Amino acid sequence: RAFIKRYLGNMNIAIYNKQGIDYVAPFTPKAYVPPQETFVYRPRFRSV
């Protein structure tokens, strides 16, 4: 079962269990978002 779930997951297919019944449906994988940081700079000469 773990093998089948992993194999289908690679095909963007998920198995959802509700009340003892497996629902097999496609899903849209979340795009990878790299970590974001905040950078603060105080201008010396030019305007913001």
All heavy atoms as atom14 arrays in JSON, in Angstrom:
{
  "sequence": "RAFIKRYLGNMNIAIYNKQGIDYVAPFTPKAYVPPQETFVYRPRFRSV",
  "atom14_mask": [
    [1, 1, 1, 1, 1, 1, 1, 1, 1, 1, 1, 0, 0, 0],
    [1, 1, 1, 1, 1, 0, 0, 0, 0, 0, 0, 0, 0, 0],
    [1, 1, 1, 1, 1, 1, 1, 1, 1, 1, 1, 0, 0, 0],
    [1, 1, 1, 1, 1, 1, 1, 1, 0, 0, 0, 0, 0, 0],
    [1, 1, 1, 1, 1, 1, 1, 1, 1, 0, 0, 0, 0, 0],
    [1, 1, 1, 1, 1, 1, 1, 1, 1, 1, 1, 0, 0, 0],
    [1, 1, 1, 1, 1, 1, 1, 1, 1, 1, 1, 1, 0, 0],
    [1, 1, 1, 1, 1, 1, 1, 1, 0, 0, 0, 0, 0, 0],
    [1, 1, 1, 1, 0, 0, 0, 0, 0, 0, 0, 0, 0, 0],
    [1, 1, 1, 1, 1, 1, 1, 1, 0, 0, 0, 0, 0, 0],
    [1, 1, 1, 1, 1, 1, 1, 1, 0, 0, 0, 0, 0, 0],
    [1, 1, 1, 1, 1, 1, 1, 1, 0, 0, 0, 0, 0, 0],
    [1, 1, 1, 1, 1, 1, 1, 1, 0, 0, 0, 0, 0, 0],
    [1, 1, 1, 1, 1, 0, 0, 0, 0, 0, 0, 0, 0, 0],
    [1, 1, 1, 1, 1, 1, 1, 1, 0, 0, 0, 0, 0, 0],
    [1, 1, 1, 1, 1, 1, 1, 1, 1, 1, 1, 1, 0, 0],
    [1, 1, 1, 1, 1, 1, 1, 1, 0, 0, 0, 0, 0, 0],
    [1, 1, 1, 1, 1, 1, 1, 1, 1, 0, 0, 0, 0, 0],
    [1, 1, 1, 1, 1, 1, 1, 1, 1, 0, 0, 0, 0, 0],
    [1, 1, 1, 1, 0, 0, 0, 0, 0, 0, 0, 0, 0, 0],
    [1, 1, 1, 1, 1, 1, 1, 1, 0, 0, 0, 0, 0, 0],
    [1, 1, 1, 1, 1, 1, 1, 1, 0, 0, 0, 0, 0, 0],
    [1, 1, 1, 1, 1, 1, 1, 1, 1, 1, 1, 1, 0, 0],
    [1, 1, 1, 1, 1, 1, 1, 0, 0, 0, 0, 0, 0, 0],
    [1, 1, 1, 1, 1, 0, 0, 0, 0, 0, 0, 0, 0, 0],
    [1, 1, 1, 1, 1, 1, 1, 0, 0, 0, 0, 0, 0, 0],
    [1, 1, 1, 1, 1, 1, 1, 1, 1, 1, 1, 0, 0, 0],
    [1, 1, 1, 1, 1, 1, 1, 0, 0, 0, 0, 0, 0, 0],
    [1, 1, 1, 1, 1, 1, 1, 0, 0, 0, 0, 0, 0, 0],
    [1, 1, 1, 1, 1, 1, 1, 1, 1, 0, 0, 0, 0, 0],
    [1, 1, 1, 1, 1, 0, 0, 0, 0, 0, 0, 0, 0, 0],
    [1, 1, 1, 1, 1, 1, 1, 1, 1, 1, 1, 1, 0, 0],
    [1, 1, 1, 1, 1, 1, 1, 0, 0, 0, 0, 0, 0, 0],
    [1, 1, 1, 1, 1, 1, 1, 0, 0, 0, 0, 0, 0, 0],
    [1, 1, 1, 1, 1, 1, 1, 0, 0, 0, 0, 0, 0, 0],
    [1, 1, 1, 1, 1, 1, 1, 1, 1, 0, 0, 0, 0, 0],
    [1, 1, 1, 1, 1, 1, 1, 1, 1, 0, 0, 0, 0, 0],
    [1, 1, 1, 1, 1, 1, 1, 0, 0, 0, 0, 0, 0, 0],
    [1, 1, 1, 1, 1, 1, 1, 1, 1, 1, 1, 0, 0, 0],
    [1, 1, 1, 1, 1, 1, 1, 0, 0, 0, 0, 0, 0, 0],
    [1, 1, 1, 1, 1, 1, 1, 1, 1, 1, 1, 1, 0, 0],
    [1, 1, 1, 1, 1, 1, 1, 1, 1, 1, 1, 0, 0, 0],
    [1, 1, 1, 1, 1, 1, 1, 0, 0, 0, 0, 0, 0, 0],
    [1, 1, 1, 1, 1, 1, 1, 1, 1, 1, 1, 0, 0, 0],
    [1, 1, 1, 1, 1, 1, 1, 1, 1, 1, 1, 0, 0, 0],
    [1, 1, 1, 1, 1, 1, 1, 1, 1, 1, 1, 0, 0, 0],
    [1, 1, 1, 1, 1, 1, 0, 0, 0, 0, 0, 0, 0, 0],
    [1, 1, 1, 1, 1, 1, 1, 0, 0, 0, 0, 0, 0, 0]
  ],
  "atom14_positions": [
    [[0.84, -1.22, 0.0], [0.0, 0.0, 0.0], [0.87, 1.25, 0.0], [0.6, 2.2, -0.74], [-0.93, 0.0, 1.21], [-1.9, 1.19, 1.18], [-2.94, 1.09, 2.28], [-3.82, 2.24, 2.25], [-4.9, 2.34, 1.49], [-5.24, 1.33, 0.7], [-5.66, 3.42, 1.52], [0.0, 0.0, 0.0], [0.0, 0.0, 0.0], [0.0, 0.0, 0.0]],
    [[1.91, 1.29, 0.84], [2.8, 2.45, 0.85], [3.5, 2.61, -0.5], [3.7, 3.73, -1.0], [3.83, 2.3, 1.97], [0.0, 0.0, 0.0], [0.0, 0.0, 0.0], [0.0, 0.0, 0.0], [0.0, 0.0, 0.0], [0.0, 0.0, 0.0], [0.0, 0.0, 0.0], [0.0, 0.0, 0.0], [0.0, 0.0, 0.0], [0.0, 0.0, 0.0]],
    [[3.84, 1.47, -1.12], [4.49, 1.53, -2.43], [3.55, 2.12, -3.47], [3.94, 2.99, -4.27], [4.94, 0.11, -2.84], [5.57, 0.04, -4.2], [6.93, 0.21, -4.37], [4.78, -0.19, -5.34], [7.51, 0.16, -5.63], [5.35, -0.24, -6.59], [6.72, -0.06, -6.75], [0.0, 0.0, 0.0], [0.0, 0.0, 0.0], [0.0, 0.0, 0.0]],
    [[2.29, 1.65, -3.48], [1.32, 2.13, -4.46], [1.05, 3.62, -4.25], [0.98, 4.42, -5.21], [0.01, 1.33, -4.37], [0.25, -0.13, -4.76], [-1.06, 1.94, -5.26], [0.69, -0.34, -6.18], [0.0, 0.0, 0.0], [0.0, 0.0, 0.0], [0.0, 0.0, 0.0], [0.0, 0.0, 0.0], [0.0, 0.0, 0.0], [0.0, 0.0, 0.0]],
    [[0.9, 4.06, -2.99], [0.66, 5.49, -2.72], [1.84, 6.35, -3.19], [1.64, 7.42, -3.75], [0.42, 5.71, -1.22], [-0.91, 5.15, -0.72], [-1.17, 5.54, 0.72], [-1.4, 7.02, 0.86], [-1.8, 7.4, 2.24], [0.0, 0.0, 0.0], [0.0, 0.0, 0.0], [0.0, 0.0, 0.0], [0.0, 0.0, 0.0], [0.0, 0.0, 0.0]],
    [[3.04, 5.88, -2.96], [4.21, 6.64, -3.39], [4.3, 6.69, -4.91], [4.63, 7.72, -5.5], [5.47, 6.04, -2.79], [6.73, 6.85, -3.07], [7.89, 6.42, -2.22], [8.32, 5.07, -2.57], [8.16, 4.0, -1.81], [7.52, 4.12, -0.63], [8.6, 2.81, -2.18], [0.0, 0.0, 0.0], [0.0, 0.0, 0.0], [0.0, 0.0, 0.0]],
    [[3.99, 5.55, -5.55], [4.05, 5.49, -7.01], [3.02, 6.43, -7.63], [3.32, 7.19, -8.56], [3.82, 4.05, -7.48], [3.95, 3.88, -8.98], [5.17, 3.6, -9.57], [2.83, 4.01, -9.81], [5.29, 3.44, -10.95], [2.93, 3.86, -11.18], [4.16, 3.58, -11.74], [4.28, 3.44, -13.09], [0.0, 0.0, 0.0], [0.0, 0.0, 0.0]],
    [[1.78, 6.39, -7.11], [0.74, 7.28, -7.63], [1.05, 8.74, -7.32], [0.73, 9.64, -8.11], [-0.62, 6.89, -7.05], [-1.17, 5.53, -7.47], [-2.49, 5.25, -6.76], [-1.36, 5.43, -8.98], [0.0, 0.0, 0.0], [0.0, 0.0, 0.0], [0.0, 0.0, 0.0], [0.0, 0.0, 0.0], [0.0, 0.0, 0.0], [0.0, 0.0, 0.0]],
    [[1.65, 8.99, -6.16], [2.01, 10.37, -5.81], [2.98, 10.97, -6.8], [2.92, 12.17, -7.1], [0.0, 0.0, 0.0], [0.0, 0.0, 0.0], [0.0, 0.0, 0.0], [0.0, 0.0, 0.0], [0.0, 0.0, 0.0], [0.0, 0.0, 0.0], [0.0, 0.0, 0.0], [0.0, 0.0, 0.0], [0.0, 0.0, 0.0], [0.0, 0.0, 0.0]],
    [[3.87, 10.15, -7.33], [4.8, 10.64, -8.36], [4.08, 11.0, -9.65], [4.61, 11.74, -10.48], [5.87, 9.58, -8.64], [6.8, 9.36, -7.47], [6.99, 10.25, -6.64], [7.39, 8.16, -7.37], [0.0, 0.0, 0.0], [0.0, 0.0, 0.0], [0.0, 0.0, 0.0], [0.0, 0.0, 0.0], [0.0, 0.0, 0.0], [0.0, 0.0, 0.0]],
    [[2.86, 10.46, -9.82], [2.03, 10.79, -10.99], [1.01, 11.88, -10.65], [0.09, 12.12, -11.43], [1.31, 9.54, -11.48], [2.22, 8.39, -11.89], [1.31, 6.88, -12.3], [0.44, 7.41, -13.78], [0.0, 0.0, 0.0], [0.0, 0.0, 0.0], [0.0, 0.0, 0.0], [0.0, 0.0, 0.0], [0.0, 0.0, 0.0], [0.0, 0.0, 0.0]],
    [[1.17, 12.55, -9.5], [0.24, 13.59, -9.03], [-1.17, 13.02, -8.84], [-2.18, 13.65, -9.18], [0.19, 14.78, -10.0], [1.53, 15.49, -10.11], [2.33, 15.49, -9.16], [1.81, 16.08, -11.26], [0.0, 0.0, 0.0], [0.0, 0.0, 0.0], [0.0, 0.0, 0.0], [0.0, 0.0, 0.0], [0.0, 0.0, 0.0], [0.0, 0.0, 0.0]],
    [[-1.21, 11.8, -8.26], [-2.47, 11.14, -7.92], [-2.42, 10.79, -6.44], [-1.44, 10.22, -5.95], [-2.69, 9.86, -8.76], [-2.73, 10.21, -10.27], [-3.99, 9.17, -8.37], [-2.77, 9.01, -11.17], [0.0, 0.0, 0.0], [0.0, 0.0, 0.0], [0.0, 0.0, 0.0], [0.0, 0.0, 0.0], [0.0, 0.0, 0.0], [0.0, 0.0, 0.0]],
    [[-3.49, 11.13, -5.72], [-3.53, 10.9, -4.28], [-4.66, 9.95, -3.92], [-5.66, 9.82, -4.65], [-3.7, 12.23, -3.54], [0.0, 0.0, 0.0], [0.0, 0.0, 0.0], [0.0, 0.0, 0.0], [0.0, 0.0, 0.0], [0.0, 0.0, 0.0], [0.0, 0.0, 0.0], [0.0, 0.0, 0.0], [0.0, 0.0, 0.0], [0.0, 0.0, 0.0]],
    [[-4.5, 9.26, -2.79], [-5.52, 8.37, -2.25], [-6.04, 8.99, -0.96], [-5.29, 9.19, 0.0], [-4.97, 6.97, -1.97], [-4.44, 6.33, -3.27], [-6.03, 6.08, -1.35], [-3.77, 4.98, -3.07], [0.0, 0.0, 0.0], [0.0, 0.0, 0.0], [0.0, 0.0, 0.0], [0.0, 0.0, 0.0], [0.0, 0.0, 0.0], [0.0, 0.0, 0.0]],
    [[-7.36, 9.35, -0.94], [-7.99, 9.93, 0.23], [-8.97, 8.91, 0.8], [-9.82, 8.37, 0.07], [-8.74, 11.21, -0.13], [-7.91, 12.22, -0.88], [-7.95, 12.28, -2.27], [-7.1, 13.12, -0.2], [-7.19, 13.21, -2.96], [-6.34, 14.05, -0.88], [-6.39, 14.08, -2.27], [-5.64, 15.0, -2.95], [0.0, 0.0, 0.0], [0.0, 0.0, 0.0]],
    [[-8.88, 8.6, 2.08], [-9.76, 7.62, 2.71], [-10.83, 8.34, 3.52], [-10.52, 9.15, 4.4], [-8.96, 6.67, 3.61], [-9.83, 5.55, 4.15], [-10.48, 5.71, 5.17], [-9.83, 4.43, 3.43], [0.0, 0.0, 0.0], [0.0, 0.0, 0.0], [0.0, 0.0, 0.0], [0.0, 0.0, 0.0], [0.0, 0.0, 0.0], [0.0, 0.0, 0.0]],
    [[-12.07, 8.04, 3.21], [-13.21, 8.6, 3.92], [-14.2, 7.47, 4.22], [-14.73, 6.84, 3.31], [-13.9, 9.7, 3.11], [-13.04, 10.92, 2.85], [-13.8, 11.97, 2.07], [-12.93, 13.2, 1.81], [-13.66, 14.24, 1.03], [0.0, 0.0, 0.0], [0.0, 0.0, 0.0], [0.0, 0.0, 0.0], [0.0, 0.0, 0.0], [0.0, 0.0, 0.0]],
    [[-14.38, 7.28, 5.53], [-15.34, 6.28, 5.99], [-15.07, 4.9, 5.37], [-15.97, 4.2, 4.93], [-16.78, 6.72, 5.7], [-17.15, 8.02, 6.4], [-18.57, 8.46, 6.08], [-19.23, 7.89, 5.22], [-19.04, 9.49, 6.79], [0.0, 0.0, 0.0], [0.0, 0.0, 0.0], [0.0, 0.0, 0.0], [0.0, 0.0, 0.0], [0.0, 0.0, 0.0]],
    [[-13.79, 4.54, 5.32], [-13.42, 3.22, 4.85], [-13.36, 3.07, 3.35], [-13.1, 1.97, 2.84], [0.0, 0.0, 0.0], [0.0, 0.0, 0.0], [0.0, 0.0, 0.0], [0.0, 0.0, 0.0], [0.0, 0.0, 0.0], [0.0, 0.0, 0.0], [0.0, 0.0, 0.0], [0.0, 0.0, 0.0], [0.0, 0.0, 0.0], [0.0, 0.0, 0.0]],
    [[-13.61, 4.12, 2.6], [-13.59, 4.06, 1.14], [-12.43, 4.91, 0.64], [-12.23, 6.05, 1.08], [-14.91, 4.56, 0.54], [-16.08, 3.7, 1.02], [-14.85, 4.57, -0.98], [-17.43, 4.18, 0.55], [0.0, 0.0, 0.0], [0.0, 0.0, 0.0], [0.0, 0.0, 0.0], [0.0, 0.0, 0.0], [0.0, 0.0, 0.0], [0.0, 0.0, 0.0]],
    [[-11.65, 4.38, -0.29], [-10.54, 5.13, -0.89], [-11.04, 5.93, -2.08], [-11.7, 5.38, -2.98], [-9.43, 4.18, -1.35], [-8.54, 3.72, -0.2], [-8.73, 4.23, 0.92], [-7.66, 2.87, -0.44], [0.0, 0.0, 0.0], [0.0, 0.0, 0.0], [0.0, 0.0, 0.0], [0.0, 0.0, 0.0], [0.0, 0.0, 0.0], [0.0, 0.0, 0.0]],
    [[-10.73, 7.21, -2.07], [-11.03, 8.08, -3.21], [-9.71, 8.35, -3.93], [-8.78, 8.93, -3.35], [-11.66, 9.39, -2.76], [-13.03, 9.23, -2.15], [-13.17, 8.9, -0.8], [-14.18, 9.4, -2.91], [-14.42, 8.74, -0.23], [-15.44, 9.24, -2.34], [-15.55, 8.92, -1.0], [-16.79, 8.76, -0.44], [0.0, 0.0, 0.0], [0.0, 0.0, 0.0]],
    [[-9.61, 7.95, -5.17], [-8.38, 8.12, -5.96], [-8.62, 9.28, -6.94], [-9.51, 9.2, -7.8], [-8.01, 6.84, -6.72], [-6.68, 7.02, -7.46], [-7.95, 5.66, -5.77], [0.0, 0.0, 0.0], [0.0, 0.0, 0.0], [0.0, 0.0, 0.0], [0.0, 0.0, 0.0], [0.0, 0.0, 0.0], [0.0, 0.0, 0.0], [0.0, 0.0, 0.0]],
    [[-7.87, 10.34, -6.76], [-8.1, 11.55, -7.56], [-6.77, 12.27, -7.83], [-5.82, 12.14, -7.04], [-9.06, 12.5, -6.84], [0.0, 0.0, 0.0], [0.0, 0.0, 0.0], [0.0, 0.0, 0.0], [0.0, 0.0, 0.0], [0.0, 0.0, 0.0], [0.0, 0.0, 0.0], [0.0, 0.0, 0.0], [0.0, 0.0, 0.0], [0.0, 0.0, 0.0]],
    [[-6.71, 13.03, -8.92], [-5.48, 13.78, -9.2], [-5.39, 15.01, -8.29], [-6.4, 15.49, -7.77], [-5.64, 14.18, -10.66], [-7.12, 14.26, -10.87], [-7.71, 13.19, -9.99], [0.0, 0.0, 0.0], [0.0, 0.0, 0.0], [0.0, 0.0, 0.0], [0.0, 0.0, 0.0], [0.0, 0.0, 0.0], [0.0, 0.0, 0.0], [0.0, 0.0, 0.0]],
    [[-4.21, 15.52, -8.11], [-4.01, 16.75, -7.34], [-2.95, 17.6, -8.03], [-2.14, 17.1, -8.83], [-3.58, 16.43, -5.9], [-2.21, 15.85, -5.78], [-1.08, 16.65, -5.59], [-2.01, 14.47, -5.88], [0.18, 16.12, -5.48], [-0.74, 13.92, -5.77], [0.36, 14.75, -5.57], [0.0, 0.0, 0.0], [0.0, 0.0, 0.0], [0.0, 0.0, 0.0]],
    [[-3.0, 18.89, -7.73], [-2.01, 19.83, -8.29], [-0.93, 20.06, -7.25], [-1.22, 20.57, -6.15], [-2.67, 21.17, -8.65], [-3.72, 20.93, -9.6], [-1.65, 22.13, -9.25], [0.0, 0.0, 0.0], [0.0, 0.0, 0.0], [0.0, 0.0, 0.0], [0.0, 0.0, 0.0], [0.0, 0.0, 0.0], [0.0, 0.0, 0.0], [0.0, 0.0, 0.0]],
    [[0.28, 19.68, -7.54], [1.34, 19.85, -6.54], [1.65, 21.32, -6.31], [1.54, 22.14, -7.21], [2.54, 19.13, -7.18], [2.28, 19.18, -8.65], [0.79, 19.11, -8.8], [0.0, 0.0, 0.0], [0.0, 0.0, 0.0], [0.0, 0.0, 0.0], [0.0, 0.0, 0.0], [0.0, 0.0, 0.0], [0.0, 0.0, 0.0], [0.0, 0.0, 0.0]],
    [[1.98, 21.64, -5.11], [2.35, 23.02, -4.77], [3.73, 23.33, -5.34], [4.65, 22.53, -5.23], [2.37, 23.22, -3.25], [0.99, 23.11, -2.61], [1.09, 23.38, -1.11], [-0.29, 23.31, -0.45], [-0.2, 23.56, 1.01], [0.0, 0.0, 0.0], [0.0, 0.0, 0.0], [0.0, 0.0, 0.0], [0.0, 0.0, 0.0], [0.0, 0.0, 0.0]],
    [[3.78, 24.5, -5.97], [5.07, 24.93, -6.53], [6.03, 25.26, -5.4], [5.64, 25.82, -4.36], [4.88, 26.14, -7.43], [0.0, 0.0, 0.0], [0.0, 0.0, 0.0], [0.0, 0.0, 0.0], [0.0, 0.0, 0.0], [0.0, 0.0, 0.0], [0.0, 0.0, 0.0], [0.0, 0.0, 0.0], [0.0, 0.0, 0.0], [0.0, 0.0, 0.0]],
    [[7.26, 24.96, -5.64], [8.27, 25.23, -4.62], [8.5, 26.74, -4.51], [8.73, 27.43, -5.52], [9.59, 24.54, -4.98], [10.74, 24.95, -4.08], [10.82, 24.5, -2.77], [11.73, 25.81, -4.55], [11.86, 24.88, -1.94], [12.78, 26.2, -3.72], [12.84, 25.72, -2.42], [13.87, 26.12, -1.61], [0.0, 0.0, 0.0], [0.0, 0.0, 0.0]],
    [[8.37, 27.25, -3.32], [8.61, 28.67, -3.04], [9.86, 28.77, -2.19], [9.88, 28.32, -1.04], [7.41, 29.32, -2.32], [7.71, 30.78, -2.02], [6.15, 29.18, -3.14], [0.0, 0.0, 0.0], [0.0, 0.0, 0.0], [0.0, 0.0, 0.0], [0.0, 0.0, 0.0], [0.0, 0.0, 0.0], [0.0, 0.0, 0.0], [0.0, 0.0, 0.0]],
    [[10.92, 29.34, -2.74], [12.15, 29.45, -1.94], [11.94, 30.38, -0.76], [11.04, 31.24, -0.77], [13.15, 30.05, -2.94], [12.33, 30.7, -3.98], [11.07, 29.91, -4.08], [0.0, 0.0, 0.0], [0.0, 0.0, 0.0], [0.0, 0.0, 0.0], [0.0, 0.0, 0.0], [0.0, 0.0, 0.0], [0.0, 0.0, 0.0], [0.0, 0.0, 0.0]],
    [[12.71, 30.22, 0.27], [12.56, 31.08, 1.46], [12.71, 32.56, 1.11], [13.55, 32.95, 0.31], [13.7, 30.61, 2.38], [14.04, 29.24, 1.9], [13.78, 29.23, 0.43], [0.0, 0.0, 0.0], [0.0, 0.0, 0.0], [0.0, 0.0, 0.0], [0.0, 0.0, 0.0], [0.0, 0.0, 0.0], [0.0, 0.0, 0.0], [0.0, 0.0, 0.0]],
    [[11.85, 33.38, 1.71], [11.86, 34.81, 1.48], [12.43, 35.53, 2.7], [12.18, 35.12, 3.84], [10.45, 35.32, 1.2], [9.74, 34.59, 0.07], [10.18, 35.05, -1.29], [10.1, 36.22, -1.62], [10.65, 34.12, -2.11], [0.0, 0.0, 0.0], [0.0, 0.0, 0.0], [0.0, 0.0, 0.0], [0.0, 0.0, 0.0], [0.0, 0.0, 0.0]],
    [[13.16, 36.6, 2.43], [13.72, 37.41, 3.51], [13.41, 38.87, 3.26], [13.1, 39.28, 2.13], [15.24, 37.21, 3.6], [15.67, 35.83, 4.03], [17.17, 35.73, 4.22], [17.86, 36.75, 3.99], [17.66, 34.65, 4.59], [0.0, 0.0, 0.0], [0.0, 0.0, 0.0], [0.0, 0.0, 0.0], [0.0, 0.0, 0.0], [0.0, 0.0, 0.0]],
    [[13.5, 39.66, 4.31], [13.29, 41.1, 4.21], [14.64, 41.82, 4.31], [15.43, 41.54, 5.22], [12.37, 41.6, 5.34], [11.1, 40.97, 5.22], [12.17, 43.11, 5.25], [0.0, 0.0, 0.0], [0.0, 0.0, 0.0], [0.0, 0.0, 0.0], [0.0, 0.0, 0.0], [0.0, 0.0, 0.0], [0.0, 0.0, 0.0], [0.0, 0.0, 0.0]],
    [[14.86, 42.71, 3.38], [16.11, 43.48, 3.35], [15.76, 44.96, 3.51], [14.89, 45.49, 2.8], [16.84, 43.24, 2.03], [18.05, 44.1, 1.83], [19.2, 43.91, 2.57], [18.04, 45.12, 0.9], [20.31, 44.7, 2.39], [19.15, 45.92, 0.7], [20.29, 45.71, 1.45], [0.0, 0.0, 0.0], [0.0, 0.0, 0.0], [0.0, 0.0, 0.0]],
    [[16.41, 45.62, 4.43], [16.16, 47.03, 4.72], [17.4, 47.83, 4.37], [18.51, 47.48, 4.8], [15.79, 47.25, 6.2], [15.55, 48.72, 6.49], [14.55, 46.43, 6.56], [0.0, 0.0, 0.0], [0.0, 0.0, 0.0], [0.0, 0.0, 0.0], [0.0, 0.0, 0.0], [0.0, 0.0, 0.0], [0.0, 0.0, 0.0], [0.0, 0.0, 0.0]],
    [[17.2, 48.9, 3.59], [18.33, 49.73, 3.16], [17.96, 51.2, 3.33], [16.88, 51.64, 2.91], [18.66, 49.44, 1.69], [19.77, 50.28, 1.12], [21.1, 49.97, 1.35], [19.48, 51.4, 0.34], [22.13, 50.73, 0.82], [20.5, 52.17, -0.19], [21.81, 51.84, 0.06], [22.83, 52.61, -0.46], [0.0, 0.0, 0.0], [0.0, 0.0, 0.0]],
    [[18.85, 51.95, 3.92], [18.63, 53.38, 4.08], [19.48, 54.11, 3.03], [20.71, 54.1, 3.09], [19.03, 53.84, 5.48], [18.65, 55.29, 5.78], [18.99, 55.64, 7.22], [18.2, 54.85, 8.15], [16.98, 55.16, 8.54], [16.39, 56.25, 8.08], [16.32, 54.39, 9.38], [0.0, 0.0, 0.0], [0.0, 0.0, 0.0], [0.0, 0.0, 0.0]],
    [[18.84, 54.73, 2.03], [19.59, 55.38, 0.95], [20.52, 56.47, 1.47], [20.2, 57.2, 2.42], [18.49, 55.95, 0.05], [17.28, 55.14, 0.36], [17.39, 54.8, 1.81], [0.0, 0.0, 0.0], [0.0, 0.0, 0.0], [0.0, 0.0, 0.0], [0.0, 0.0, 0.0], [0.0, 0.0, 0.0], [0.0, 0.0, 0.0], [0.0, 0.0, 0.0]],
    [[21.65, 56.61, 0.78], [22.62, 57.64, 1.14], [22.39, 58.92, 0.34], [22.53, 60.02, 0.86], [24.04, 57.12, 0.87], [24.38, 55.84, 1.63], [25.8, 55.4, 1.32], [26.77, 56.37, 1.81], [28.0, 56.54, 1.32], [28.38, 55.81, 0.28], [28.82, 57.42, 1.83], [0.0, 0.0, 0.0], [0.0, 0.0, 0.0], [0.0, 0.0, 0.0]],
    [[22.06, 58.78, -0.94], [21.96, 59.95, -1.81], [20.61, 60.02, -2.54], [20.0, 61.08, -2.61], [23.09, 59.96, -2.85], [24.46, 59.95, -2.24], [25.23, 58.79, -2.23], [25.0, 61.09, -1.68], [26.5, 58.77, -1.68], [26.27, 61.09, -1.13], [27.02, 59.92, -1.12], [0.0, 0.0, 0.0], [0.0, 0.0, 0.0], [0.0, 0.0, 0.0]],
    [[20.18, 58.91, -3.1], [18.98, 58.91, -3.93], [17.73, 58.66, -3.09], [17.79, 58.16, -1.98], [19.09, 57.83, -5.01], [20.3, 57.98, -5.91], [20.15, 59.13, -6.87], [21.25, 59.17, -7.84], [21.26, 59.89, -8.94], [20.21, 60.65, -9.23], [22.3, 59.88, -9.76], [0.0, 0.0, 0.0], [0.0, 0.0, 0.0], [0.0, 0.0, 0.0]],
    [[16.58, 58.98, -3.69], [15.31, 58.78, -3.0], [14.89, 57.31, -3.1], [15.34, 56.56, -3.97], [14.23, 59.66, -3.62], [13.94, 59.25, -4.94], [0.0, 0.0, 0.0], [0.0, 0.0, 0.0], [0.0, 0.0, 0.0], [0.0, 0.0, 0.0], [0.0, 0.0, 0.0], [0.0, 0.0, 0.0], [0.0, 0.0, 0.0], [0.0, 0.0, 0.0]],
    [[13.99, 56.92, -2.2], [13.46, 55.56, -2.23], [12.75, 55.3, -3.56], [12.89, 54.23, -4.17], [12.5, 55.35, -1.04], [11.74, 54.04, -1.19], [13.26, 55.37, 0.27], [0.0, 0.0, 0.0], [0.0, 0.0, 0.0], [0.0, 0.0, 0.0], [0.0, 0.0, 0.0], [0.0, 0.0, 0.0], [0.0, 0.0, 0.0], [0.0, 0.0, 0.0]]
  ]
}
